[in-house]
Protein backbone atom coordinates (compact mmCIF):
# COMPACT_ATOMS: atom_id res chain seq x y z
CA UNK A 1 0.00 0.00 0.00
CA UNK A 2 1.41 3.36 -1.04
CA UNK A 3 1.02 6.51 0.96
CA UNK A 4 -0.43 9.60 -0.72
CA UNK A 5 2.95 11.36 -0.61
CA UNK A 6 4.55 8.51 -2.52
CA UNK A 7 1.78 8.60 -5.09
CA UNK A 8 2.15 12.32 -5.78
CA UNK A 9 5.95 12.13 -6.00
CA UNK A 10 6.12 9.38 -8.60
CA UNK A 11 7.16 10.31 -12.11
CA UNK A 12 4.45 10.32 -14.79
CA UNK A 13 4.63 7.08 -16.75
CA UNK A 14 2.63 8.14 -19.78
CA UNK A 15 1.05 11.19 -21.36
CA UNK A 16 -2.23 10.33 -19.64
CA UNK A 17 -0.52 10.33 -16.23
CA UNK A 18 0.62 13.93 -16.74
CA UNK A 19 -2.92 15.14 -16.16
CA UNK A 20 -3.01 14.21 -12.48
CA UNK A 21 -4.18 17.32 -10.62
CA UNK A 22 -1.59 16.84 -7.88
CA UNK A 23 1.38 17.54 -10.17
CA UNK A 24 3.52 20.52 -9.25
CA UNK A 25 3.29 23.84 -11.11
CA UNK A 26 5.10 23.95 -14.42
CA UNK A 27 5.97 20.27 -14.72
CA UNK A 28 5.66 18.45 -18.03
CA UNK A 29 7.23 15.01 -18.26
CA UNK A 30 9.69 14.38 -21.09
CA UNK A 31 8.05 11.04 -21.70
CA UNK A 32 5.38 10.87 -24.37
CA UNK A 33 5.07 12.77 -27.62
CA UNK A 34 7.86 15.35 -27.88
CA UNK A 35 6.28 17.11 -30.84
CA UNK A 36 3.00 17.61 -29.00
CA UNK A 37 4.86 18.85 -25.91
CA UNK A 38 6.81 21.32 -28.07
CA UNK A 39 3.59 22.62 -29.66
CA UNK A 40 2.01 23.13 -26.25
CA UNK A 41 5.04 25.06 -24.97
CA UNK A 42 5.23 27.24 -28.11
CA UNK A 43 1.54 28.08 -27.78
CA UNK A 44 1.96 28.81 -24.07
CA UNK A 45 4.90 31.10 -24.87
CA UNK A 46 2.57 33.15 -27.06
CA UNK A 47 0.03 33.36 -24.23
CA UNK A 48 2.76 34.48 -21.81
CA UNK A 49 4.02 37.20 -24.16
CA UNK A 50 0.51 38.57 -24.77
CA UNK A 51 -0.55 38.48 -21.11
CA UNK A 52 0.06 42.19 -20.56
CA UNK A 53 -2.33 43.19 -23.36
CA UNK A 54 -4.98 40.52 -22.80
CA UNK A 55 -7.91 41.54 -20.60
CA UNK A 56 -9.26 38.07 -19.81
CA UNK A 57 -9.38 35.79 -16.80
CA UNK A 58 -6.46 33.81 -18.24
CA UNK A 59 -4.49 37.01 -18.82
CA UNK A 60 -5.01 38.03 -15.19
CA UNK A 61 -3.96 34.57 -14.00
CA UNK A 62 -0.80 34.68 -16.15
CA UNK A 63 0.09 38.19 -14.96
CA UNK A 64 -0.28 37.11 -11.33
CA UNK A 65 1.99 34.10 -11.95
CA UNK A 66 4.56 36.24 -13.77
CA UNK A 67 4.73 38.49 -10.71
CA UNK A 68 5.77 35.54 -8.54
CA UNK A 69 7.50 33.00 -10.80
CA UNK A 70 10.08 32.93 -13.62
CA UNK A 71 8.73 33.37 -17.15
CA UNK A 72 9.77 29.91 -18.37
CA UNK A 73 8.09 28.17 -15.44
CA UNK A 74 4.88 30.11 -16.11
CA UNK A 75 5.08 29.12 -19.79
CA UNK A 76 5.36 25.43 -18.94
CA UNK A 77 2.56 25.76 -16.36
CA UNK A 78 0.28 27.16 -19.08
CA UNK A 79 1.28 24.34 -21.43
CA UNK A 80 0.50 21.82 -18.69
CA UNK A 81 -2.88 23.42 -18.01
CA UNK A 82 -3.69 23.40 -21.73
CA UNK A 83 -2.74 19.72 -21.98
CA UNK A 84 -4.93 18.84 -18.98
CA UNK A 85 -7.85 20.78 -20.49
CA UNK A 86 -7.44 19.05 -23.85
CA UNK A 87 -7.22 15.65 -22.17
CA UNK A 88 -10.39 16.27 -20.16
CA UNK A 89 -12.23 17.35 -23.31
CA UNK A 90 -11.11 14.21 -25.14
CA UNK A 91 -12.03 11.87 -22.31
CA UNK A 92 -15.45 13.45 -21.77
CA UNK A 93 -16.04 13.98 -25.51
CA UNK A 94 -17.02 17.61 -24.91
CA UNK A 95 -16.42 20.86 -26.77
CA UNK A 96 -14.43 23.67 -25.17
CA UNK A 97 -16.54 26.05 -23.11
CA UNK A 98 -14.83 29.32 -22.31
CA UNK A 99 -15.98 30.60 -18.94
CA UNK A 100 -17.49 34.07 -18.87
CA UNK A 101 -15.37 36.82 -17.32
CA UNK A 102 -16.71 37.67 -13.87
PDB file of N, CA and C in Angstrom:
ATOM      1  N   UNK A   1       0.841  -1.183   0.000  1.00  0.00           N
ATOM      2  CA  UNK A   1       0.000   0.000   0.000  1.00  0.00           C
ATOM      3  C   UNK A   1       0.885   1.244   0.000  1.00  0.00           C
ATOM      4  N   UNK A   2       0.621   2.149  -0.949  1.00  0.00           N
ATOM      5  CA  UNK A   2       1.412   3.359  -1.040  1.00  0.00           C
ATOM      6  C   UNK A   2       0.730   4.495  -0.287  1.00  0.00           C
ATOM      7  N   UNK A   3       1.552   5.324   0.312  1.00  0.00           N
ATOM      8  CA  UNK A   3       1.017   6.510   0.958  1.00  0.00           C
ATOM      9  C   UNK A   3       0.756   7.574  -0.098  1.00  0.00           C
ATOM     10  N   UNK A   4      -0.076   8.541   0.233  1.00  0.00           N
ATOM     11  CA  UNK A   4      -0.427   9.596  -0.716  1.00  0.00           C
ATOM     12  C   UNK A   4       0.809  10.379  -1.153  1.00  0.00           C
ATOM     13  N   UNK A   5       1.748  10.605  -0.254  1.00  0.00           N
ATOM     14  CA  UNK A   5       2.952  11.361  -0.613  1.00  0.00           C
ATOM     15  C   UNK A   5       3.784  10.607  -1.630  1.00  0.00           C
ATOM     16  N   UNK A   6       3.819   9.301  -1.540  1.00  0.00           N
ATOM     17  CA  UNK A   6       4.555   8.507  -2.518  1.00  0.00           C
ATOM     18  C   UNK A   6       3.856   8.566  -3.872  1.00  0.00           C
ATOM     19  N   UNK A   7       2.552   8.559  -3.857  1.00  0.00           N
ATOM     20  CA  UNK A   7       1.782   8.596  -5.089  1.00  0.00           C
ATOM     21  C   UNK A   7       1.992   9.920  -5.833  1.00  0.00           C
ATOM     22  N   UNK A   8       2.005  11.030  -5.123  1.00  0.00           N
ATOM     23  CA  UNK A   8       2.148  12.322  -5.784  1.00  0.00           C
ATOM     24  C   UNK A   8       3.582  12.580  -6.229  1.00  0.00           C
ATOM     25  N   UNK A   9       4.556  11.905  -5.643  1.00  0.00           N
ATOM     26  CA  UNK A   9       5.949  12.134  -6.002  1.00  0.00           C
ATOM     27  C   UNK A   9       6.446  11.236  -7.118  1.00  0.00           C
ATOM     28  N   UNK A  10       5.640  10.279  -7.554  1.00  0.00           N
ATOM     29  CA  UNK A  10       6.117   9.383  -8.601  1.00  0.00           C
ATOM     30  C   UNK A  10       6.158  10.122  -9.932  1.00  0.00           C
ATOM     31  N   UNK A  11       7.043   9.690 -10.801  1.00  0.00           N
ATOM     32  CA  UNK A  11       7.164  10.313 -12.112  1.00  0.00           C
ATOM     33  C   UNK A  11       6.024   9.855 -13.014  1.00  0.00           C
ATOM     34  N   UNK A  12       5.500  10.744 -13.862  1.00  0.00           N
ATOM     35  CA  UNK A  12       4.449  10.325 -14.791  1.00  0.00           C
ATOM     36  C   UNK A  12       4.967   9.244 -15.731  1.00  0.00           C
ATOM     37  N   UNK A  13       4.200   8.181 -15.908  1.00  0.00           N
ATOM     38  CA  UNK A  13       4.631   7.076 -16.745  1.00  0.00           C
ATOM     39  C   UNK A  13       4.189   7.237 -18.188  1.00  0.00           C
ATOM     40  N   UNK A  14       3.137   7.970 -18.429  1.00  0.00           N
ATOM     41  CA  UNK A  14       2.626   8.143 -19.781  1.00  0.00           C
ATOM     42  C   UNK A  14       2.046   9.542 -19.912  1.00  0.00           C
ATOM     43  N   UNK A  15       1.661   9.885 -21.134  1.00  0.00           N
ATOM     44  CA  UNK A  15       1.055  11.194 -21.363  1.00  0.00           C
ATOM     45  C   UNK A  15      -0.215  11.339 -20.530  1.00  0.00           C
ATOM     46  N   UNK A  16      -0.991  10.266 -20.418  1.00  0.00           N
ATOM     47  CA  UNK A  16      -2.230  10.331 -19.642  1.00  0.00           C
ATOM     48  C   UNK A  16      -1.956  10.619 -18.170  1.00  0.00           C
ATOM     49  N   UNK A  17      -0.850  10.105 -17.631  1.00  0.00           N
ATOM     50  CA  UNK A  17      -0.516  10.333 -16.230  1.00  0.00           C
ATOM     51  C   UNK A  17      -0.148  11.781 -15.936  1.00  0.00           C
ATOM     52  N   UNK A  18       0.221  12.546 -16.967  1.00  0.00           N
ATOM     53  CA  UNK A  18       0.620  13.932 -16.742  1.00  0.00           C
ATOM     54  C   UNK A  18      -0.549  14.787 -16.280  1.00  0.00           C
ATOM     55  N   UNK A  19      -1.770  14.322 -16.440  1.00  0.00           N
ATOM     56  CA  UNK A  19      -2.924  15.137 -16.163  1.00  0.00           C
ATOM     57  C   UNK A  19      -3.440  14.961 -14.743  1.00  0.00           C
ATOM     58  N   UNK A  20      -2.662  14.357 -13.882  1.00  0.00           N
ATOM     59  CA  UNK A  20      -3.005  14.214 -12.482  1.00  0.00           C
ATOM     60  C   UNK A  20      -3.020  15.611 -11.862  1.00  0.00           C
ATOM     61  N   UNK A  21      -4.053  15.961 -11.157  1.00  0.00           N
ATOM     62  CA  UNK A  21      -4.183  17.316 -10.617  1.00  0.00           C
ATOM     63  C   UNK A  21      -3.203  17.615  -9.498  1.00  0.00           C
ATOM     64  N   UNK A  22      -2.504  16.617  -8.979  1.00  0.00           N
ATOM     65  CA  UNK A  22      -1.588  16.844  -7.876  1.00  0.00           C
ATOM     66  C   UNK A  22      -0.174  17.157  -8.360  1.00  0.00           C
ATOM     67  N   UNK A  23       0.043  17.252  -9.659  1.00  0.00           N
ATOM     68  CA  UNK A  23       1.380  17.537 -10.165  1.00  0.00           C
ATOM     69  C   UNK A  23       1.783  18.951  -9.789  1.00  0.00           C
ATOM     70  N   UNK A  24       3.064  19.200  -9.649  1.00  0.00           N
ATOM     71  CA  UNK A  24       3.521  20.523  -9.252  1.00  0.00           C
ATOM     72  C   UNK A  24       3.462  21.499 -10.431  1.00  0.00           C
ATOM     73  N   UNK A  25       3.418  22.783 -10.125  1.00  0.00           N
ATOM     74  CA  UNK A  25       3.287  23.835 -11.115  1.00  0.00           C
ATOM     75  C   UNK A  25       4.438  23.797 -12.109  1.00  0.00           C
ATOM     76  N   UNK A  26       4.092  23.824 -13.382  1.00  0.00           N
ATOM     77  CA  UNK A  26       5.099  23.952 -14.419  1.00  0.00           C
ATOM     78  C   UNK A  26       5.718  22.667 -14.899  1.00  0.00           C
ATOM     79  N   UNK A  27       5.313  21.536 -14.383  1.00  0.00           N
ATOM     80  CA  UNK A  27       5.967  20.269 -14.717  1.00  0.00           C
ATOM     81  C   UNK A  27       5.310  19.600 -15.910  1.00  0.00           C
ATOM     82  N   UNK A  28       6.113  19.284 -16.926  1.00  0.00           N
ATOM     83  CA  UNK A  28       5.661  18.448 -18.034  1.00  0.00           C
ATOM     84  C   UNK A  28       6.721  17.372 -18.201  1.00  0.00           C
ATOM     85  N   UNK A  29       6.300  16.117 -18.143  1.00  0.00           N
ATOM     86  CA  UNK A  29       7.227  15.006 -18.264  1.00  0.00           C
ATOM     87  C   UNK A  29       7.827  14.974 -19.662  1.00  0.00           C
ATOM     88  N   UNK A  30       9.064  14.512 -19.782  1.00  0.00           N
ATOM     89  CA  UNK A  30       9.692  14.384 -21.090  1.00  0.00           C
ATOM     90  C   UNK A  30       9.334  13.067 -21.759  1.00  0.00           C
ATOM     91  N   UNK A  31       8.533  12.266 -21.077  1.00  0.00           N
ATOM     92  CA  UNK A  31       8.050  11.036 -21.697  1.00  0.00           C
ATOM     93  C   UNK A  31       6.826  11.391 -22.538  1.00  0.00           C
ATOM     94  N   UNK A  32       6.540  10.599 -23.524  1.00  0.00           N
ATOM     95  CA  UNK A  32       5.382  10.865 -24.368  1.00  0.00           C
ATOM     96  C   UNK A  32       5.799  11.520 -25.669  1.00  0.00           C
ATOM     97  N   UNK A  33       4.882  12.188 -26.312  1.00  0.00           N
ATOM     98  CA  UNK A  33       5.071  12.771 -27.625  1.00  0.00           C
ATOM     99  C   UNK A  33       5.805  14.108 -27.518  1.00  0.00           C
ATOM    100  N   UNK A  34       7.054  14.139 -27.946  1.00  0.00           N
ATOM    101  CA  UNK A  34       7.860  15.354 -27.876  1.00  0.00           C
ATOM    102  C   UNK A  34       7.344  16.467 -28.757  1.00  0.00           C
ATOM    103  N   UNK A  35       6.816  16.106 -29.918  1.00  0.00           N
ATOM    104  CA  UNK A  35       6.280  17.114 -30.842  1.00  0.00           C
ATOM    105  C   UNK A  35       5.069  17.816 -30.230  1.00  0.00           C
ATOM    106  N   UNK A  36       4.180  17.037 -29.643  1.00  0.00           N
ATOM    107  CA  UNK A  36       3.002  17.613 -28.998  1.00  0.00           C
ATOM    108  C   UNK A  36       3.409  18.506 -27.828  1.00  0.00           C
ATOM    109  N   UNK A  37       4.372  18.053 -27.040  1.00  0.00           N
ATOM    110  CA  UNK A  37       4.858  18.846 -25.911  1.00  0.00           C
ATOM    111  C   UNK A  37       5.446  20.165 -26.406  1.00  0.00           C
ATOM    112  N   UNK A  38       6.210  20.118 -27.504  1.00  0.00           N
ATOM    113  CA  UNK A  38       6.811  21.318 -28.068  1.00  0.00           C
ATOM    114  C   UNK A  38       5.726  22.291 -28.549  1.00  0.00           C
ATOM    115  N   UNK A  39       4.688  21.766 -29.207  1.00  0.00           N
ATOM    116  CA  UNK A  39       3.589  22.625 -29.664  1.00  0.00           C
ATOM    117  C   UNK A  39       2.881  23.300 -28.496  1.00  0.00           C
ATOM    118  N   UNK A  40       2.665  22.556 -27.432  1.00  0.00           N
ATOM    119  CA  UNK A  40       2.010  23.131 -26.255  1.00  0.00           C
ATOM    120  C   UNK A  40       2.849  24.244 -25.639  1.00  0.00           C
ATOM    121  N   UNK A  41       4.162  24.041 -25.567  1.00  0.00           N
ATOM    122  CA  UNK A  41       5.042  25.056 -24.972  1.00  0.00           C
ATOM    123  C   UNK A  41       5.128  26.286 -25.871  1.00  0.00           C
ATOM    124  N   UNK A  42       5.185  26.095 -27.193  1.00  0.00           N
ATOM    125  CA  UNK A  42       5.232  27.242 -28.109  1.00  0.00           C
ATOM    126  C   UNK A  42       3.943  28.060 -27.996  1.00  0.00           C
ATOM    127  N   UNK A  43       2.807  27.372 -27.949  1.00  0.00           N
ATOM    128  CA  UNK A  43       1.539  28.078 -27.775  1.00  0.00           C
ATOM    129  C   UNK A  43       1.467  28.812 -26.451  1.00  0.00           C
ATOM    130  N   UNK A  44       1.966  28.179 -25.398  1.00  0.00           N
ATOM    131  CA  UNK A  44       1.963  28.811 -24.073  1.00  0.00           C
ATOM    132  C   UNK A  44       2.899  30.014 -24.036  1.00  0.00           C
ATOM    133  N   UNK A  45       3.991  29.962 -24.797  1.00  0.00           N
ATOM    134  CA  UNK A  45       4.904  31.103 -24.875  1.00  0.00           C
ATOM    135  C   UNK A  45       4.182  32.312 -25.469  1.00  0.00           C
ATOM    136  N   UNK A  46       3.362  32.076 -26.468  1.00  0.00           N
ATOM    137  CA  UNK A  46       2.574  33.152 -27.065  1.00  0.00           C
ATOM    138  C   UNK A  46       1.604  33.751 -26.049  1.00  0.00           C
ATOM    139  N   UNK A  47       0.956  32.888 -25.269  1.00  0.00           N
ATOM    140  CA  UNK A  47       0.026  33.361 -24.235  1.00  0.00           C
ATOM    141  C   UNK A  47       0.777  34.204 -23.204  1.00  0.00           C
ATOM    142  N   UNK A  48       1.961  33.759 -22.812  1.00  0.00           N
ATOM    143  CA  UNK A  48       2.761  34.480 -21.813  1.00  0.00           C
ATOM    144  C   UNK A  48       3.160  35.860 -22.332  1.00  0.00           C
ATOM    145  N   UNK A  49       3.580  35.921 -23.591  1.00  0.00           N
ATOM    146  CA  UNK A  49       4.017  37.205 -24.159  1.00  0.00           C
ATOM    147  C   UNK A  49       2.872  38.193 -24.317  1.00  0.00           C
ATOM    148  N   UNK A  50       1.663  37.690 -24.566  1.00  0.00           N
ATOM    149  CA  UNK A  50       0.511  38.569 -24.770  1.00  0.00           C
ATOM    150  C   UNK A  50      -0.266  38.848 -23.484  1.00  0.00           C
ATOM    151  N   UNK A  51       0.190  38.353 -22.371  1.00  0.00           N
ATOM    152  CA  UNK A  51      -0.553  38.476 -21.111  1.00  0.00           C
ATOM    153  C   UNK A  51      -0.777  39.927 -20.700  1.00  0.00           C
ATOM    154  N   UNK A  52       0.186  40.788 -20.971  1.00  0.00           N
ATOM    155  CA  UNK A  52       0.059  42.194 -20.558  1.00  0.00           C
ATOM    156  C   UNK A  52      -1.056  42.911 -21.309  1.00  0.00           C
ATOM    157  N   UNK A  53      -1.332  42.500 -22.541  1.00  0.00           N
ATOM    158  CA  UNK A  53      -2.329  43.191 -23.358  1.00  0.00           C
ATOM    159  C   UNK A  53      -3.666  42.459 -23.404  1.00  0.00           C
ATOM    160  N   UNK A  54      -3.765  41.319 -22.754  1.00  0.00           N
ATOM    161  CA  UNK A  54      -4.985  40.524 -22.798  1.00  0.00           C
ATOM    162  C   UNK A  54      -5.803  40.761 -21.543  1.00  0.00           C
ATOM    163  N   UNK A  55      -7.031  41.245 -21.728  1.00  0.00           N
ATOM    164  CA  UNK A  55      -7.911  41.544 -20.595  1.00  0.00           C
ATOM    165  C   UNK A  55      -8.928  40.407 -20.425  1.00  0.00           C
ATOM    166  N   UNK A  56      -8.408  39.233 -20.050  1.00  0.00           N
ATOM    167  CA  UNK A  56      -9.261  38.066 -19.812  1.00  0.00           C
ATOM    168  C   UNK A  56      -8.894  37.460 -18.467  1.00  0.00           C
ATOM    169  N   UNK A  57      -9.677  36.487 -18.055  1.00  0.00           N
ATOM    170  CA  UNK A  57      -9.377  35.792 -16.799  1.00  0.00           C
ATOM    171  C   UNK A  57      -8.018  35.088 -16.896  1.00  0.00           C
ATOM    172  N   UNK A  58      -7.747  34.474 -18.045  1.00  0.00           N
ATOM    173  CA  UNK A  58      -6.461  33.806 -18.243  1.00  0.00           C
ATOM    174  C   UNK A  58      -5.321  34.811 -18.202  1.00  0.00           C
ATOM    175  N   UNK A  59      -5.517  35.971 -18.846  1.00  0.00           N
ATOM    176  CA  UNK A  59      -4.489  37.011 -18.821  1.00  0.00           C
ATOM    177  C   UNK A  59      -4.185  37.467 -17.407  1.00  0.00           C
ATOM    178  N   UNK A  60      -5.217  37.630 -16.591  1.00  0.00           N
ATOM    179  CA  UNK A  60      -5.007  38.034 -15.195  1.00  0.00           C
ATOM    180  C   UNK A  60      -4.271  36.951 -14.420  1.00  0.00           C
ATOM    181  N   UNK A  61      -4.633  35.689 -14.668  1.00  0.00           N
ATOM    182  CA  UNK A  61      -3.960  34.571 -13.996  1.00  0.00           C
ATOM    183  C   UNK A  61      -2.484  34.527 -14.378  1.00  0.00           C
ATOM    184  N   UNK A  62      -2.189  34.704 -15.676  1.00  0.00           N
ATOM    185  CA  UNK A  62      -0.800  34.677 -16.149  1.00  0.00           C
ATOM    186  C   UNK A  62      -0.021  35.848 -15.561  1.00  0.00           C
ATOM    187  N   UNK A  63      -0.613  37.032 -15.539  1.00  0.00           N
ATOM    188  CA  UNK A  63       0.086  38.193 -14.958  1.00  0.00           C
ATOM    189  C   UNK A  63       0.397  37.972 -13.480  1.00  0.00           C
ATOM    190  N   UNK A  64      -0.536  37.356 -12.749  1.00  0.00           N
ATOM    191  CA  UNK A  64      -0.279  37.114 -11.326  1.00  0.00           C
ATOM    192  C   UNK A  64       0.852  36.095 -11.151  1.00  0.00           C
ATOM    193  N   UNK A  65       0.888  35.071 -12.024  1.00  0.00           N
ATOM    194  CA  UNK A  65       1.985  34.101 -11.949  1.00  0.00           C
ATOM    195  C   UNK A  65       3.324  34.741 -12.304  1.00  0.00           C
ATOM    196  N   UNK A  66       3.319  35.589 -13.341  1.00  0.00           N
ATOM    197  CA  UNK A  66       4.563  36.240 -13.765  1.00  0.00           C
ATOM    198  C   UNK A  66       5.128  37.150 -12.679  1.00  0.00           C
ATOM    199  N   UNK A  67       4.267  37.658 -11.823  1.00  0.00           N
ATOM    200  CA  UNK A  67       4.735  38.485 -10.715  1.00  0.00           C
ATOM    201  C   UNK A  67       5.448  37.692  -9.641  1.00  0.00           C
ATOM    202  N   UNK A  68       5.187  36.372  -9.593  1.00  0.00           N
ATOM    203  CA  UNK A  68       5.771  35.539  -8.538  1.00  0.00           C
ATOM    204  C   UNK A  68       6.783  34.516  -9.022  1.00  0.00           C
ATOM    205  N   UNK A  69       6.693  34.118 -10.296  1.00  0.00           N
ATOM    206  CA  UNK A  69       7.497  33.003 -10.796  1.00  0.00           C
ATOM    207  C   UNK A  69       8.268  33.404 -12.049  1.00  0.00           C
ATOM    208  N   UNK A  70       9.327  32.666 -12.394  1.00  0.00           N
ATOM    209  CA  UNK A  70      10.079  32.935 -13.623  1.00  0.00           C
ATOM    210  C   UNK A  70       9.216  32.691 -14.868  1.00  0.00           C
ATOM    211  N   UNK A  71       9.522  33.424 -15.930  1.00  0.00           N
ATOM    212  CA  UNK A  71       8.728  33.367 -17.152  1.00  0.00           C
ATOM    213  C   UNK A  71       8.653  31.956 -17.728  1.00  0.00           C
ATOM    214  N   UNK A  72       9.761  31.246 -17.771  1.00  0.00           N
ATOM    215  CA  UNK A  72       9.766  29.911 -18.372  1.00  0.00           C
ATOM    216  C   UNK A  72       8.899  28.933 -17.574  1.00  0.00           C
ATOM    217  N   UNK A  73       8.925  29.040 -16.260  1.00  0.00           N
ATOM    218  CA  UNK A  73       8.093  28.173 -15.437  1.00  0.00           C
ATOM    219  C   UNK A  73       6.614  28.462 -15.680  1.00  0.00           C
ATOM    220  N   UNK A  74       6.262  29.738 -15.826  1.00  0.00           N
ATOM    221  CA  UNK A  74       4.876  30.113 -16.114  1.00  0.00           C
ATOM    222  C   UNK A  74       4.464  29.571 -17.476  1.00  0.00           C
ATOM    223  N   UNK A  75       5.362  29.646 -18.457  1.00  0.00           N
ATOM    224  CA  UNK A  75       5.081  29.124 -19.790  1.00  0.00           C
ATOM    225  C   UNK A  75       4.772  27.635 -19.744  1.00  0.00           C
ATOM    226  N   UNK A  76       5.569  26.880 -19.026  1.00  0.00           N
ATOM    227  CA  UNK A  76       5.359  25.434 -18.937  1.00  0.00           C
ATOM    228  C   UNK A  76       4.095  25.127 -18.125  1.00  0.00           C
ATOM    229  N   UNK A  77       3.794  25.948 -17.127  1.00  0.00           N
ATOM    230  CA  UNK A  77       2.558  25.760 -16.361  1.00  0.00           C
ATOM    231  C   UNK A  77       1.335  25.951 -17.254  1.00  0.00           C
ATOM    232  N   UNK A  78       1.387  26.940 -18.146  1.00  0.00           N
ATOM    233  CA  UNK A  78       0.284  27.163 -19.079  1.00  0.00           C
ATOM    234  C   UNK A  78       0.155  25.991 -20.044  1.00  0.00           C
ATOM    235  N   UNK A  79       1.294  25.498 -20.532  1.00  0.00           N
ATOM    236  CA  UNK A  79       1.277  24.341 -21.433  1.00  0.00           C
ATOM    237  C   UNK A  79       0.675  23.129 -20.727  1.00  0.00           C
ATOM    238  N   UNK A  80       1.028  22.936 -19.474  1.00  0.00           N
ATOM    239  CA  UNK A  80       0.501  21.818 -18.686  1.00  0.00           C
ATOM    240  C   UNK A  80      -1.010  21.967 -18.496  1.00  0.00           C
ATOM    241  N   UNK A  81      -1.450  23.177 -18.195  1.00  0.00           N
ATOM    242  CA  UNK A  81      -2.882  23.419 -18.008  1.00  0.00           C
ATOM    243  C   UNK A  81      -3.648  23.182 -19.312  1.00  0.00           C
ATOM    244  N   UNK A  82      -3.074  23.615 -20.422  1.00  0.00           N
ATOM    245  CA  UNK A  82      -3.691  23.399 -21.731  1.00  0.00           C
ATOM    246  C   UNK A  82      -3.791  21.908 -22.039  1.00  0.00           C
ATOM    247  N   UNK A  83      -2.732  21.163 -21.733  1.00  0.00           N
ATOM    248  CA  UNK A  83      -2.736  19.721 -21.977  1.00  0.00           C
ATOM    249  C   UNK A  83      -3.799  19.032 -21.119  1.00  0.00           C
ATOM    250  N   UNK A  84      -3.919  19.438 -19.853  1.00  0.00           N
ATOM    251  CA  UNK A  84      -4.935  18.839 -18.983  1.00  0.00           C
ATOM    252  C   UNK A  84      -6.342  19.165 -19.470  1.00  0.00           C
ATOM    253  N   UNK A  85      -6.553  20.387 -19.951  1.00  0.00           N
ATOM    254  CA  UNK A  85      -7.852  20.778 -20.489  1.00  0.00           C
ATOM    255  C   UNK A  85      -8.186  19.959 -21.727  1.00  0.00           C
ATOM    256  N   UNK A  86      -7.209  19.825 -22.630  1.00  0.00           N
ATOM    257  CA  UNK A  86      -7.436  19.048 -23.855  1.00  0.00           C
ATOM    258  C   UNK A  86      -7.727  17.588 -23.523  1.00  0.00           C
ATOM    259  N   UNK A  87      -6.995  17.043 -22.561  1.00  0.00           N
ATOM    260  CA  UNK A  87      -7.220  15.646 -22.167  1.00  0.00           C
ATOM    261  C   UNK A  87      -8.628  15.453 -21.604  1.00  0.00           C
ATOM    262  N   UNK A  88      -9.056  16.370 -20.755  1.00  0.00           N
ATOM    263  CA  UNK A  88     -10.388  16.275 -20.163  1.00  0.00           C
ATOM    264  C   UNK A  88     -11.470  16.362 -21.240  1.00  0.00           C
ATOM    265  N   UNK A  89     -11.266  17.226 -22.228  1.00  0.00           N
ATOM    266  CA  UNK A  89     -12.226  17.347 -23.313  1.00  0.00           C
ATOM    267  C   UNK A  89     -12.288  16.068 -24.133  1.00  0.00           C
ATOM    268  N   UNK A  90     -11.141  15.461 -24.378  1.00  0.00           N
ATOM    269  CA  UNK A  90     -11.114  14.213 -25.145  1.00  0.00           C
ATOM    270  C   UNK A  90     -11.780  13.075 -24.386  1.00  0.00           C
ATOM    271  N   UNK A  91     -11.478  12.957 -23.110  1.00  0.00           N
ATOM    272  CA  UNK A  91     -12.027  11.866 -22.309  1.00  0.00           C
ATOM    273  C   UNK A  91     -13.540  11.996 -22.185  1.00  0.00           C
ATOM    274  N   UNK A  92     -14.012  13.216 -21.958  1.00  0.00           N
ATOM    275  CA  UNK A  92     -15.448  13.448 -21.770  1.00  0.00           C
ATOM    276  C   UNK A  92     -16.206  13.655 -23.079  1.00  0.00           C
ATOM    277  N   UNK A  93     -15.461  13.732 -24.183  1.00  0.00           N
ATOM    278  CA  UNK A  93     -16.039  13.982 -25.509  1.00  0.00           C
ATOM    279  C   UNK A  93     -16.904  15.238 -25.494  1.00  0.00           C
ATOM    280  N   UNK A  94     -16.324  16.328 -25.003  1.00  0.00           N
ATOM    281  CA  UNK A  94     -17.015  17.609 -24.910  1.00  0.00           C
ATOM    282  C   UNK A  94     -16.293  18.651 -25.751  1.00  0.00           C
ATOM    283  N   UNK A  95     -17.013  19.710 -26.105  1.00  0.00           N
ATOM    284  CA  UNK A  95     -16.419  20.858 -26.766  1.00  0.00           C
ATOM    285  C   UNK A  95     -15.901  21.821 -25.704  1.00  0.00           C
ATOM    286  N   UNK A  96     -14.984  22.684 -26.102  1.00  0.00           N
ATOM    287  CA  UNK A  96     -14.431  23.666 -25.171  1.00  0.00           C
ATOM    288  C   UNK A  96     -15.496  24.709 -24.856  1.00  0.00           C
ATOM    289  N   UNK A  97     -15.625  25.009 -23.567  1.00  0.00           N
ATOM    290  CA  UNK A  97     -16.543  26.048 -23.112  1.00  0.00           C
ATOM    291  C   UNK A  97     -15.732  27.087 -22.365  1.00  0.00           C
ATOM    292  N   UNK A  98     -15.563  28.235 -22.971  1.00  0.00           N
ATOM    293  CA  UNK A  98     -14.829  29.317 -22.310  1.00  0.00           C
ATOM    294  C   UNK A  98     -15.725  29.893 -21.219  1.00  0.00           C
ATOM    295  N   UNK A  99     -15.178  30.051 -20.028  1.00  0.00           N
ATOM    296  CA  UNK A  99     -15.977  30.602 -18.939  1.00  0.00           C
ATOM    297  C   UNK A  99     -16.102  32.119 -19.120  1.00  0.00           C
ATOM    298  N   UNK A 100     -17.236  32.653 -18.749  1.00  0.00           N
ATOM    299  CA  UNK A 100     -17.488  34.074 -18.866  1.00  0.00           C
ATOM    300  C   UNK A 100     -16.643  34.837 -17.848  1.00  0.00           C
ATOM    301  N   UNK A 101     -16.178  36.005 -18.224  1.00  0.00           N
ATOM    302  CA  UNK A 101     -15.367  36.819 -17.320  1.00  0.00           C
ATOM    303  C   UNK A 101     -16.268  37.394 -16.240  1.00  0.00           C
ATOM    304  N   UNK A 102     -15.883  37.201 -14.988  1.00  0.00           N
ATOM    305  CA  UNK A 102     -16.713  37.673 -13.874  1.00  0.00           C
ATOM    306  C   UNK A 102     -16.382  39.089 -13.509  1.00  0.00           C
TER     307      UNK A 102
END
